[in-house]
PDB file of N, CA and C in Angstrom:
ATOM      1  N   MET A   1       3.682  -5.989  -8.097  1.00  0.00           N
ATOM      2  CA  MET A   1       4.709  -5.477  -8.976  1.00  0.00           C
ATOM      3  C   MET A   1       5.701  -4.667  -8.153  1.00  0.00           C
ATOM      4  N   HIS A   2       6.979  -4.808  -8.431  1.00  0.00           N
ATOM      5  CA  HIS A   2       7.996  -4.164  -7.611  1.00  0.00           C
ATOM      6  C   HIS A   2       8.903  -3.214  -8.367  1.00  0.00           C
ATOM      7  N   GLU A   3       8.659  -2.971  -9.625  1.00  0.00           N
ATOM      8  CA  GLU A   3       9.516  -2.081 -10.387  1.00  0.00           C
ATOM      9  C   GLU A   3       8.682  -1.084 -11.166  1.00  0.00           C
ATOM     10  N   VAL A   4       9.326  -0.064 -11.625  1.00  0.00           N
ATOM     11  CA  VAL A   4       8.703   0.905 -12.520  1.00  0.00           C
ATOM     12  C   VAL A   4       9.132   0.516 -13.920  1.00  0.00           C
ATOM     13  N   SER A   5       8.178   0.375 -14.829  1.00  0.00           N
ATOM     14  CA  SER A   5       8.542   0.068 -16.207  1.00  0.00           C
ATOM     15  C   SER A   5       8.205   1.259 -17.085  1.00  0.00           C
ATOM     16  N   ASP A   6       9.227   1.852 -17.706  1.00  0.00           N
ATOM     17  CA  ASP A   6       9.031   2.995 -18.597  1.00  0.00           C
ATOM     18  C   ASP A   6       8.668   2.490 -19.987  1.00  0.00           C
ATOM     19  N   ILE A   7       7.573   2.987 -20.520  1.00  0.00           N
ATOM     20  CA  ILE A   7       7.187   2.712 -21.899  1.00  0.00           C
ATOM     21  C   ILE A   7       6.833   4.059 -22.486  1.00  0.00           C
ATOM     22  N   GLY A   8       7.809   4.696 -23.092  1.00  0.00           N
ATOM     23  CA  GLY A   8       7.598   6.068 -23.546  1.00  0.00           C
ATOM     24  C   GLY A   8       7.319   6.932 -22.335  1.00  0.00           C
ATOM     25  N   ALA A   9       6.231   7.690 -22.372  1.00  0.00           N
ATOM     26  CA  ALA A   9       5.856   8.553 -21.257  1.00  0.00           C
ATOM     27  C   ALA A   9       4.909   7.838 -20.302  1.00  0.00           C
ATOM     28  N   MET A  10       4.389   6.685 -20.711  1.00  0.00           N
ATOM     29  CA  MET A  10       3.442   5.962 -19.861  1.00  0.00           C
ATOM     30  C   MET A  10       4.222   5.053 -18.905  1.00  0.00           C
ATOM     31  N   VAL A  11       3.831   5.061 -17.653  1.00  0.00           N
ATOM     32  CA  VAL A  11       4.560   4.322 -16.628  1.00  0.00           C
ATOM     33  C   VAL A  11       3.575   3.543 -15.788  1.00  0.00           C
ATOM     34  N   ARG A  12       3.920   2.309 -15.489  1.00  0.00           N
ATOM     35  CA  ARG A  12       3.142   1.537 -14.516  1.00  0.00           C
ATOM     36  C   ARG A  12       3.863   1.682 -13.191  1.00  0.00           C
ATOM     37  N   LEU A  13       3.201   2.313 -12.238  1.00  0.00           N
ATOM     38  CA  LEU A  13       3.815   2.600 -10.946  1.00  0.00           C
ATOM     39  C   LEU A  13       3.477   1.490  -9.962  1.00  0.00           C
ATOM     40  N   ASP A  14       4.447   1.113  -9.152  1.00  0.00           N
ATOM     41  CA  ASP A  14       4.216   0.037  -8.202  1.00  0.00           C
ATOM     42  C   ASP A  14       3.448   0.512  -6.976  1.00  0.00           C
ATOM     43  N   SER A  15       2.956  -0.434  -6.206  1.00  0.00           N
ATOM     44  CA  SER A  15       2.106  -0.116  -5.052  1.00  0.00           C
ATOM     45  C   SER A  15       2.883   0.620  -3.961  1.00  0.00           C
ATOM     46  N   ALA A  16       4.184   0.373  -3.828  1.00  0.00           N
ATOM     47  CA  ALA A  16       4.983   1.069  -2.810  1.00  0.00           C
ATOM     48  C   ALA A  16       5.088   2.557  -3.157  1.00  0.00           C
ATOM     49  N   PHE A  17       5.270   2.887  -4.437  1.00  0.00           N
ATOM     50  CA  PHE A  17       5.291   4.288  -4.855  1.00  0.00           C
ATOM     51  C   PHE A  17       3.939   4.931  -4.589  1.00  0.00           C
ATOM     52  N   GLU A  18       2.877   4.266  -4.993  1.00  0.00           N
ATOM     53  CA  GLU A  18       1.525   4.803  -4.804  1.00  0.00           C
ATOM     54  C   GLU A  18       1.239   5.055  -3.325  1.00  0.00           C
ATOM     55  N   ALA A  19       1.617   4.111  -2.464  1.00  0.00           N
ATOM     56  CA  ALA A  19       1.379   4.249  -1.023  1.00  0.00           C
ATOM     57  C   ALA A  19       2.180   5.415  -0.451  1.00  0.00           C
ATOM     58  N   ALA A  20       3.442   5.527  -0.842  1.00  0.00           N
ATOM     59  CA  ALA A  20       4.290   6.615  -0.339  1.00  0.00           C
ATOM     60  C   ALA A  20       3.771   7.967  -0.811  1.00  0.00           C
ATOM     61  N   LEU A  21       3.374   8.078  -2.077  1.00  0.00           N
ATOM     62  CA  LEU A  21       2.860   9.336  -2.604  1.00  0.00           C
ATOM     63  C   LEU A  21       1.554   9.729  -1.925  1.00  0.00           C
ATOM     64  N   SER A  22       0.700   8.759  -1.664  1.00  0.00           N
ATOM     65  CA  SER A  22      -0.591   9.067  -1.043  1.00  0.00           C
ATOM     66  C   SER A  22      -0.441   9.569   0.394  1.00  0.00           C
ATOM     67  N   LYS A  23       0.657   9.247   1.049  1.00  0.00           N
ATOM     68  CA  LYS A  23       0.909   9.700   2.424  1.00  0.00           C
ATOM     69  C   LYS A  23       1.409  11.137   2.496  1.00  0.00           C
ATOM     70  N   LEU A  24       1.842  11.688   1.368  1.00  0.00           N
ATOM     71  CA  LEU A  24       2.358  13.054   1.349  1.00  0.00           C
ATOM     72  C   LEU A  24       1.206  14.028   1.146  1.00  0.00           C
ATOM     73  N   SER A  25       1.026  14.905   2.094  1.00  0.00           N
ATOM     74  CA  SER A  25      -0.059  15.887   2.033  1.00  0.00           C
ATOM     75  C   SER A  25       0.282  16.995   1.053  1.00  0.00           C
ATOM     76  N   ALA A  26      -0.756  17.568   0.458  1.00  0.00           N
ATOM     77  CA  ALA A  26      -0.567  18.733  -0.410  1.00  0.00           C
ATOM     78  C   ALA A  26       0.007  19.877   0.414  1.00  0.00           C
ATOM     79  N   GLY A  27       0.808  20.702  -0.214  1.00  0.00           N
ATOM     80  CA  GLY A  27       1.438  21.824   0.466  1.00  0.00           C
ATOM     81  C   GLY A  27       2.915  21.561   0.672  1.00  0.00           C
ATOM     82  N   PHE A  28       3.493  22.300   1.585  1.00  0.00           N
ATOM     83  CA  PHE A  28       4.936  22.242   1.837  1.00  0.00           C
ATOM     84  C   PHE A  28       5.239  21.414   3.076  1.00  0.00           C
ATOM     85  N   SER A  29       6.312  20.633   2.988  1.00  0.00           N
ATOM     86  CA  SER A  29       6.813  19.908   4.156  1.00  0.00           C
ATOM     87  C   SER A  29       8.334  19.876   4.072  1.00  0.00           C
ATOM     88  N   THR A  30       8.942  19.565   5.192  1.00  0.00           N
ATOM     89  CA  THR A  30      10.379  19.299   5.210  1.00  0.00           C
ATOM     90  C   THR A  30      10.566  17.873   5.677  1.00  0.00           C
ATOM     91  N   GLY A  31      11.684  17.293   5.270  1.00  0.00           N
ATOM     92  CA  GLY A  31      11.953  15.916   5.657  1.00  0.00           C
ATOM     93  C   GLY A  31      13.334  15.500   5.220  1.00  0.00           C
ATOM     94  N   ARG A  32      13.553  14.196   5.225  1.00  0.00           N
ATOM     95  CA  ARG A  32      14.873  13.660   4.914  1.00  0.00           C
ATOM     96  C   ARG A  32      14.779  12.599   3.825  1.00  0.00           C
ATOM     97  N   TYR A  33      15.826  12.597   3.007  1.00  0.00           N
ATOM     98  CA  TYR A  33      16.008  11.548   2.002  1.00  0.00           C
ATOM     99  C   TYR A  33      17.504  11.283   1.921  1.00  0.00           C
ATOM    100  N   LEU A  34      17.886  10.045   2.128  1.00  0.00           N
ATOM    101  CA  LEU A  34      19.291   9.637   2.128  1.00  0.00           C
ATOM    102  C   LEU A  34      20.144  10.522   3.038  1.00  0.00           C
ATOM    103  N   GLY A  35      19.579  10.881   4.182  1.00  0.00           N
ATOM    104  CA  GLY A  35      20.302  11.663   5.180  1.00  0.00           C
ATOM    105  C   GLY A  35      20.348  13.159   4.934  1.00  0.00           C
ATOM    106  N   LEU A  36      19.789  13.622   3.842  1.00  0.00           N
ATOM    107  CA  LEU A  36      19.792  15.052   3.519  1.00  0.00           C
ATOM    108  C   LEU A  36      18.417  15.651   3.785  1.00  0.00           C
ATOM    109  N   ARG A  37      18.385  16.936   4.178  1.00  0.00           N
ATOM    110  CA  ARG A  37      17.115  17.632   4.412  1.00  0.00           C
ATOM    111  C   ARG A  37      16.596  18.211   3.108  1.00  0.00           C
ATOM    112  N   TYR A  38      15.313  18.010   2.862  1.00  0.00           N
ATOM    113  CA  TYR A  38      14.649  18.523   1.666  1.00  0.00           C
ATOM    114  C   TYR A  38      13.427  19.327   2.059  1.00  0.00           C
ATOM    115  N   GLY A  39      13.132  20.325   1.265  1.00  0.00           N
ATOM    116  CA  GLY A  39      11.859  21.017   1.309  1.00  0.00           C
ATOM    117  C   GLY A  39      11.050  20.508   0.131  1.00  0.00           C
ATOM    118  N   VAL A  40       9.826  20.076   0.383  1.00  0.00           N
ATOM    119  CA  VAL A  40       9.011  19.436  -0.655  1.00  0.00           C
ATOM    120  C   VAL A  40       7.659  20.124  -0.747  1.00  0.00           C
ATOM    121  N   THR A  41       7.258  20.449  -1.963  1.00  0.00           N
ATOM    122  CA  THR A  41       5.930  21.006  -2.217  1.00  0.00           C
ATOM    123  C   THR A  41       5.171  20.041  -3.112  1.00  0.00           C
ATOM    124  N   ILE A  42       3.966  19.685  -2.666  1.00  0.00           N
ATOM    125  CA  ILE A  42       3.070  18.794  -3.421  1.00  0.00           C
ATOM    126  C   ILE A  42       1.821  19.578  -3.782  1.00  0.00           C
ATOM    127  N   ALA A  43       1.397  19.459  -5.027  1.00  0.00           N
ATOM    128  CA  ALA A  43       0.123  20.044  -5.473  1.00  0.00           C
ATOM    129  C   ALA A  43      -0.705  18.939  -6.109  1.00  0.00           C
ATOM    130  N   ARG A  44      -1.978  18.906  -5.741  1.00  0.00           N
ATOM    131  CA  ARG A  44      -2.915  17.929  -6.321  1.00  0.00           C
ATOM    132  C   ARG A  44      -4.104  18.676  -6.890  1.00  0.00           C
ATOM    133  N   SER A  45      -4.556  18.252  -8.058  1.00  0.00           N
ATOM    134  CA  SER A  45      -5.744  18.872  -8.651  1.00  0.00           C
ATOM    135  C   SER A  45      -6.980  18.431  -7.863  1.00  0.00           C
ATOM    136  N   ALA A  46      -8.044  19.208  -7.977  1.00  0.00           N
ATOM    137  CA  ALA A  46      -9.290  18.899  -7.257  1.00  0.00           C
ATOM    138  C   ALA A  46      -9.840  17.534  -7.631  1.00  0.00           C
ATOM    139  N   ASP A  47      -9.637  17.121  -8.884  1.00  0.00           N
ATOM    140  CA  ASP A  47     -10.159  15.818  -9.319  1.00  0.00           C
ATOM    141  C   ASP A  47      -9.166  14.674  -9.099  1.00  0.00           C
ATOM    142  N   ALA A  48      -8.019  14.964  -8.477  1.00  0.00           N
ATOM    143  CA  ALA A  48      -6.977  13.982  -8.130  1.00  0.00           C
ATOM    144  C   ALA A  48      -6.338  13.326  -9.352  1.00  0.00           C
ATOM    145  N   ARG A  49      -6.509  13.905 -10.536  1.00  0.00           N
ATOM    146  CA  ARG A  49      -5.940  13.326 -11.755  1.00  0.00           C
ATOM    147  C   ARG A  49      -4.544  13.874 -12.061  1.00  0.00           C
ATOM    148  N   ARG A  50      -4.130  14.930 -11.336  1.00  0.00           N
ATOM    149  CA  ARG A  50      -2.815  15.518 -11.543  1.00  0.00           C
ATOM    150  C   ARG A  50      -2.138  15.757 -10.194  1.00  0.00           C
ATOM    151  N   VAL A  51      -0.899  15.315 -10.117  1.00  0.00           N
ATOM    152  CA  VAL A  51      -0.089  15.511  -8.915  1.00  0.00           C
ATOM    153  C   VAL A  51       1.258  16.058  -9.372  1.00  0.00           C
ATOM    154  N   SER A  52       1.735  17.089  -8.688  1.00  0.00           N
ATOM    155  CA  SER A  52       3.084  17.573  -8.979  1.00  0.00           C
ATOM    156  C   SER A  52       3.877  17.628  -7.682  1.00  0.00           C
ATOM    157  N   LEU A  53       5.166  17.393  -7.804  1.00  0.00           N
ATOM    158  CA  LEU A  53       6.076  17.433  -6.663  1.00  0.00           C
ATOM    159  C   LEU A  53       7.315  18.213  -7.075  1.00  0.00           C
ATOM    160  N   PHE A  54       7.751  19.105  -6.192  1.00  0.00           N
ATOM    161  CA  PHE A  54       9.025  19.795  -6.350  1.00  0.00           C
ATOM    162  C   PHE A  54       9.751  19.698  -5.026  1.00  0.00           C
ATOM    163  N   ALA A  55      10.962  19.140  -5.058  1.00  0.00           N
ATOM    164  CA  ALA A  55      11.767  18.981  -3.846  1.00  0.00           C
ATOM    165  C   ALA A  55      13.151  19.569  -4.073  1.00  0.00           C
ATOM    166  N   ARG A  56      13.659  20.237  -3.032  1.00  0.00           N
ATOM    167  CA  ARG A  56      14.998  20.820  -3.111  1.00  0.00           C
ATOM    168  C   ARG A  56      15.786  20.433  -1.868  1.00  0.00           C
ATOM    169  N   ASP A  57      17.010  19.976  -2.103  1.00  0.00           N
ATOM    170  CA  ASP A  57      17.943  19.698  -1.022  1.00  0.00           C
ATOM    171  C   ASP A  57      18.255  21.030  -0.337  1.00  0.00           C
ATOM    172  N   LEU A  58      17.902  21.167   0.933  1.00  0.00           N
ATOM    173  CA  LEU A  58      18.037  22.436   1.634  1.00  0.00           C
ATOM    174  C   LEU A  58      19.480  22.811   1.933  1.00  0.00           C
ATOM    175  N   GLY A  59      20.380  21.858   1.829  1.00  0.00           N
ATOM    176  CA  GLY A  59      21.783  22.158   2.095  1.00  0.00           C
ATOM    177  C   GLY A  59      22.672  21.969   0.885  1.00  0.00           C
ATOM    178  N   GLY A  60      22.059  21.806  -0.277  1.00  0.00           N
ATOM    179  CA  GLY A  60      22.859  21.529  -1.474  1.00  0.00           C
ATOM    180  C   GLY A  60      22.150  21.965  -2.736  1.00  0.00           C
ATOM    181  N   THR A  61      22.383  21.218  -3.790  1.00  0.00           N
ATOM    182  CA  THR A  61      21.861  21.621  -5.094  1.00  0.00           C
ATOM    183  C   THR A  61      20.908  20.613  -5.723  1.00  0.00           C
ATOM    184  N   ASP A  62      20.654  19.494  -5.069  1.00  0.00           N
ATOM    185  CA  ASP A  62      19.808  18.465  -5.683  1.00  0.00           C
ATOM    186  C   ASP A  62      18.349  18.912  -5.740  1.00  0.00           C
ATOM    187  N   ILE A  63      17.706  18.565  -6.840  1.00  0.00           N
ATOM    188  CA  ILE A  63      16.285  18.852  -7.044  1.00  0.00           C
ATOM    189  C   ILE A  63      15.615  17.588  -7.557  1.00  0.00           C
ATOM    190  N   VAL A  64      14.388  17.363  -7.117  1.00  0.00           N
ATOM    191  CA  VAL A  64      13.535  16.294  -7.645  1.00  0.00           C
ATOM    192  C   VAL A  64      12.221  16.954  -8.028  1.00  0.00           C
ATOM    193  N   SER A  65      11.763  16.695  -9.251  1.00  0.00           N
ATOM    194  CA  SER A  65      10.546  17.348  -9.713  1.00  0.00           C
ATOM    195  C   SER A  65       9.833  16.466 -10.733  1.00  0.00           C
ATOM    196  N   PHE A  66       8.511  16.385 -10.602  1.00  0.00           N
ATOM    197  CA  PHE A  66       7.738  15.625 -11.581  1.00  0.00           C
ATOM    198  C   PHE A  66       6.282  16.063 -11.573  1.00  0.00           C
ATOM    199  N   ASN A  67       5.608  15.695 -12.644  1.00  0.00           N
ATOM    200  CA  ASN A  67       4.157  15.793 -12.760  1.00  0.00           C
ATOM    201  C   ASN A  67       3.650  14.391 -13.045  1.00  0.00           C
ATOM    202  N   LEU A  68       2.568  14.028 -12.414  1.00  0.00           N
ATOM    203  CA  LEU A  68       1.945  12.728 -12.620  1.00  0.00           C
ATOM    204  C   LEU A  68       0.524  12.963 -13.096  1.00  0.00           C
ATOM    205  N   TYR A  69       0.196  12.367 -14.221  1.00  0.00           N
ATOM    206  CA  TYR A  69      -1.141  12.506 -14.800  1.00  0.00           C
ATOM    207  C   TYR A  69      -1.827  11.153 -14.776  1.00  0.00           C
ATOM    208  N   ARG A  70      -3.016  11.099 -14.197  1.00  0.00           N
ATOM    209  CA  ARG A  70      -3.832   9.881 -14.161  1.00  0.00           C
ATOM    210  C   ARG A  70      -4.739   9.920 -15.383  1.00  0.00           C
ATOM    211  N   MET A  71      -4.474   9.062 -16.350  1.00  0.00           N
ATOM    212  CA  MET A  71      -5.203   9.080 -17.608  1.00  0.00           C
ATOM    213  C   MET A  71      -6.537   8.337 -17.472  1.00  0.00           C
ATOM    214  N   LYS A  72      -7.500   8.721 -18.276  1.00  0.00           N
ATOM    215  CA  LYS A  72      -8.797   8.048 -18.271  1.00  0.00           C
ATOM    216  C   LYS A  72      -8.671   6.581 -18.657  1.00  0.00           C
ATOM    217  N   SER A  73      -7.644   6.255 -19.418  1.00  0.00           N
ATOM    218  CA  SER A  73      -7.409   4.872 -19.847  1.00  0.00           C
ATOM    219  C   SER A  73      -6.965   3.982 -18.687  1.00  0.00           C
ATOM    220  N   GLY A  74      -6.637   4.599 -17.542  1.00  0.00           N
ATOM    221  CA  GLY A  74      -6.135   3.829 -16.405  1.00  0.00           C
ATOM    222  C   GLY A  74      -4.617   3.840 -16.316  1.00  0.00           C
ATOM    223  N   GLU A  75      -3.967   4.333 -17.362  1.00  0.00           N
ATOM    224  CA  GLU A  75      -2.506   4.457 -17.358  1.00  0.00           C
ATOM    225  C   GLU A  75      -2.109   5.715 -16.594  1.00  0.00           C
ATOM    226  N   ASP A  76      -0.895   5.721 -16.117  1.00  0.00           N
ATOM    227  CA  ASP A  76      -0.328   6.892 -15.462  1.00  0.00           C
ATOM    228  C   ASP A  76       0.784   7.441 -16.345  1.00  0.00           C
ATOM    229  N   ALA A  77       0.803   8.738 -16.520  1.00  0.00           N
ATOM    230  CA  ALA A  77       1.884   9.386 -17.259  1.00  0.00           C
ATOM    231  C   ALA A  77       2.732  10.136 -16.240  1.00  0.00           C
ATOM    232  N   LEU A  78       3.890   9.574 -15.916  1.00  0.00           N
ATOM    233  CA  LEU A  78       4.830  10.195 -14.994  1.00  0.00           C
ATOM    234  C   LEU A  78       5.800  11.003 -15.832  1.00  0.00           C
ATOM    235  N   ARG A  79       5.855  12.297 -15.583  1.00  0.00           N
ATOM    236  CA  ARG A  79       6.704  13.198 -16.356  1.00  0.00           C
ATOM    237  C   ARG A  79       7.746  13.829 -15.435  1.00  0.00           C
ATOM    238  N   PRO A  80       8.887  13.170 -15.260  1.00  0.00           N
ATOM    239  CA  PRO A  80       9.963  13.771 -14.486  1.00  0.00           C
ATOM    240  C   PRO A  80      10.487  15.007 -15.203  1.00  0.00           C
ATOM    241  N   CYS A  81      10.945  15.975 -14.444  1.00  0.00           N
ATOM    242  CA  CYS A  81      11.485  17.207 -15.014  1.00  0.00           C
ATOM    243  C   CYS A  81      13.003  17.096 -15.070  1.00  0.00           C
ATOM    244  N   GLU A  82      13.522  16.725 -16.237  1.00  0.00           N
ATOM    245  CA  GLU A  82      14.954  16.639 -16.499  1.00  0.00           C
ATOM    246  C   GLU A  82      15.699  15.690 -15.576  1.00  0.00           C
ATOM    247  N   MET A  83      15.079  14.546 -15.283  1.00  0.00           N
ATOM    248  CA  MET A  83      15.713  13.493 -14.493  1.00  0.00           C
ATOM    249  C   MET A  83      15.023  12.178 -14.824  1.00  0.00           C
ATOM    250  N   SER A  84      15.562  11.092 -14.350  1.00  0.00           N
ATOM    251  CA  SER A  84      14.996   9.782 -14.661  1.00  0.00           C
ATOM    252  C   SER A  84      13.770   9.480 -13.800  1.00  0.00           C
ATOM    253  N   SER A  85      12.924   8.620 -14.313  1.00  0.00           N
ATOM    254  CA  SER A  85      11.781   8.124 -13.539  1.00  0.00           C
ATOM    255  C   SER A  85      12.265   7.392 -12.300  1.00  0.00           C
ATOM    256  N   THR A  86      13.372   6.684 -12.435  1.00  0.00           N
ATOM    257  CA  THR A  86      13.925   5.932 -11.306  1.00  0.00           C
ATOM    258  C   THR A  86      14.266   6.856 -10.147  1.00  0.00           C
ATOM    259  N   LYS A  87      14.901   7.991 -10.426  1.00  0.00           N
ATOM    260  CA  LYS A  87      15.246   8.951  -9.364  1.00  0.00           C
ATOM    261  C   LYS A  87      13.989   9.440  -8.669  1.00  0.00           C
ATOM    262  N   VAL A  88      12.964   9.765  -9.435  1.00  0.00           N
ATOM    263  CA  VAL A  88      11.701  10.258  -8.882  1.00  0.00           C
ATOM    264  C   VAL A  88      11.069   9.206  -7.975  1.00  0.00           C
ATOM    265  N   VAL A  89      10.979   7.989  -8.468  1.00  0.00           N
ATOM    266  CA  VAL A  89      10.340   6.911  -7.709  1.00  0.00           C
ATOM    267  C   VAL A  89      11.113   6.623  -6.431  1.00  0.00           C
ATOM    268  N   GLN A  90      12.433   6.556  -6.517  1.00  0.00           N
ATOM    269  CA  GLN A  90      13.237   6.296  -5.321  1.00  0.00           C
ATOM    270  C   GLN A  90      13.072   7.405  -4.293  1.00  0.00           C
ATOM    271  N   PHE A  91      13.017   8.656  -4.750  1.00  0.00           N
ATOM    272  CA  PHE A  91      12.833   9.766  -3.825  1.00  0.00           C
ATOM    273  C   PHE A  91      11.496   9.650  -3.098  1.00  0.00           C
ATOM    274  N   VAL A  92      10.416   9.449  -3.821  1.00  0.00           N
ATOM    275  CA  VAL A  92       9.089   9.371  -3.196  1.00  0.00           C
ATOM    276  C   VAL A  92       9.040   8.225  -2.188  1.00  0.00           C
ATOM    277  N   LYS A  93       9.596   7.097  -2.536  1.00  0.00           N
ATOM    278  CA  LYS A  93       9.598   5.938  -1.631  1.00  0.00           C
ATOM    279  C   LYS A  93      10.459   6.169  -0.397  1.00  0.00           C
ATOM    280  N   GLY A  94      11.547   6.947  -0.541  1.00  0.00           N
ATOM    281  CA  GLY A  94      12.487   7.109   0.559  1.00  0.00           C
ATOM    282  C   GLY A  94      12.338   8.371   1.381  1.00  0.00           C
ATOM    283  N   TYR A  95      11.530   9.322   0.917  1.00  0.00           N
ATOM    284  CA  TYR A  95      11.377  10.597   1.620  1.00  0.00           C
ATOM    285  C   TYR A  95      10.590  10.392   2.913  1.00  0.00           C
ATOM    286  N   ILE A  96      11.127  10.912   4.012  1.00  0.00           N
ATOM    287  CA  ILE A  96      10.476  10.810   5.324  1.00  0.00           C
ATOM    288  C   ILE A  96      10.201  12.224   5.830  1.00  0.00           C
ATOM    289  N   VAL A  97       8.929  12.539   5.989  1.00  0.00           N
ATOM    290  CA  VAL A  97       8.509  13.865   6.448  1.00  0.00           C
ATOM    291  C   VAL A  97       8.928  14.042   7.899  1.00  0.00           C
ATOM    292  N   ASP A  98       9.462  15.249   8.215  1.00  0.00           N
ATOM    293  CA  ASP A  98       9.799  15.566   9.601  1.00  0.00           C
ATOM    294  C   ASP A  98       8.554  15.477  10.474  1.00  0.00           C
ATOM    295  N   ALA A  99       8.722  14.986  11.678  1.00  0.00           N
ATOM    296  CA  ALA A  99       7.611  14.912  12.633  1.00  0.00           C
ATOM    297  C   ALA A  99       7.053  16.307  12.869  1.00  0.00           C
ATOM    298  N   GLY A 100       5.764  16.490  12.680  1.00  0.00           N
ATOM    299  CA  GLY A 100       5.107  17.765  12.905  1.00  0.00           C
ATOM    300  C   GLY A 100       5.212  18.740  11.748  1.00  0.00           C
ATOM    301  N   ALA A 101       5.999  18.429  10.729  1.00  0.00           N
ATOM    302  CA  ALA A 101       6.204  19.370   9.613  1.00  0.00           C
ATOM    303  C   ALA A 101       4.919  19.612   8.840  1.00  0.00           C
ATOM    304  N   GLU A 102       4.133  18.568   8.601  1.00  0.00           N
ATOM    305  CA  GLU A 102       2.896  18.742   7.845  1.00  0.00           C
ATOM    306  C   GLU A 102       1.881  19.533   8.646  1.00  0.00           C
ATOM    307  N   ASP A 103       1.809  19.302   9.955  1.00  0.00           N
ATOM    308  CA  ASP A 103       0.865  20.045  10.789  1.00  0.00           C
ATOM    309  C   ASP A 103       1.178  21.538  10.780  1.00  0.00           C
ATOM    310  N   ALA A 104       2.470  21.872  10.773  1.00  0.00           N
ATOM    311  CA  ALA A 104       2.877  23.280  10.820  1.00  0.00           C
ATOM    312  C   ALA A 104       2.482  24.027   9.554  1.00  0.00           C
ATOM    313  N   THR A 105       2.414  23.331   8.421  1.00  0.00           N
ATOM    314  CA  THR A 105       2.073  24.016   7.159  1.00  0.00           C
ATOM    315  C   THR A 105       0.586  24.277   7.050  1.00  0.00           C
ATOM    316  N   ARG A 106      -0.206  23.649   7.865  1.00  0.00           N
ATOM    317  CA  ARG A 106      -1.655  23.808   7.790  1.00  0.00           C
ATOM    318  C   ARG A 106      -2.176  24.930   8.670  1.00  0.00           C
ATOM    319  N   SER A 107      -1.345  25.482   9.550  1.00  0.00           N
ATOM    320  CA  SER A 107      -1.835  26.527  10.460  1.00  0.00           C
ATOM    321  C   SER A 107      -1.747  27.898   9.873  1.00  0.00           C
TER     322      SER A 107
END
């Protein structure tokens, strides 16, 4: 599957989104999206059923924010914060963590 299909609050997320999200470590990192620098904070629940992301353009005003809930039914509830699901998905797929940025947040 190559697209995100919105059905109310329930979303079927594609494998590219899942792969990109799984590569982002919990905590703070810096990186680039569409040539702009962002600071990104990821939080994951201990049971891995909830993921939240907050990203801010470090040189501007853009923000990307969402909560993702893994439902027992197998569905995912992607809850963007005042933006489209498409913007959230594109950001996660396109965000590139700065080399060494994740290591620095762990020390």
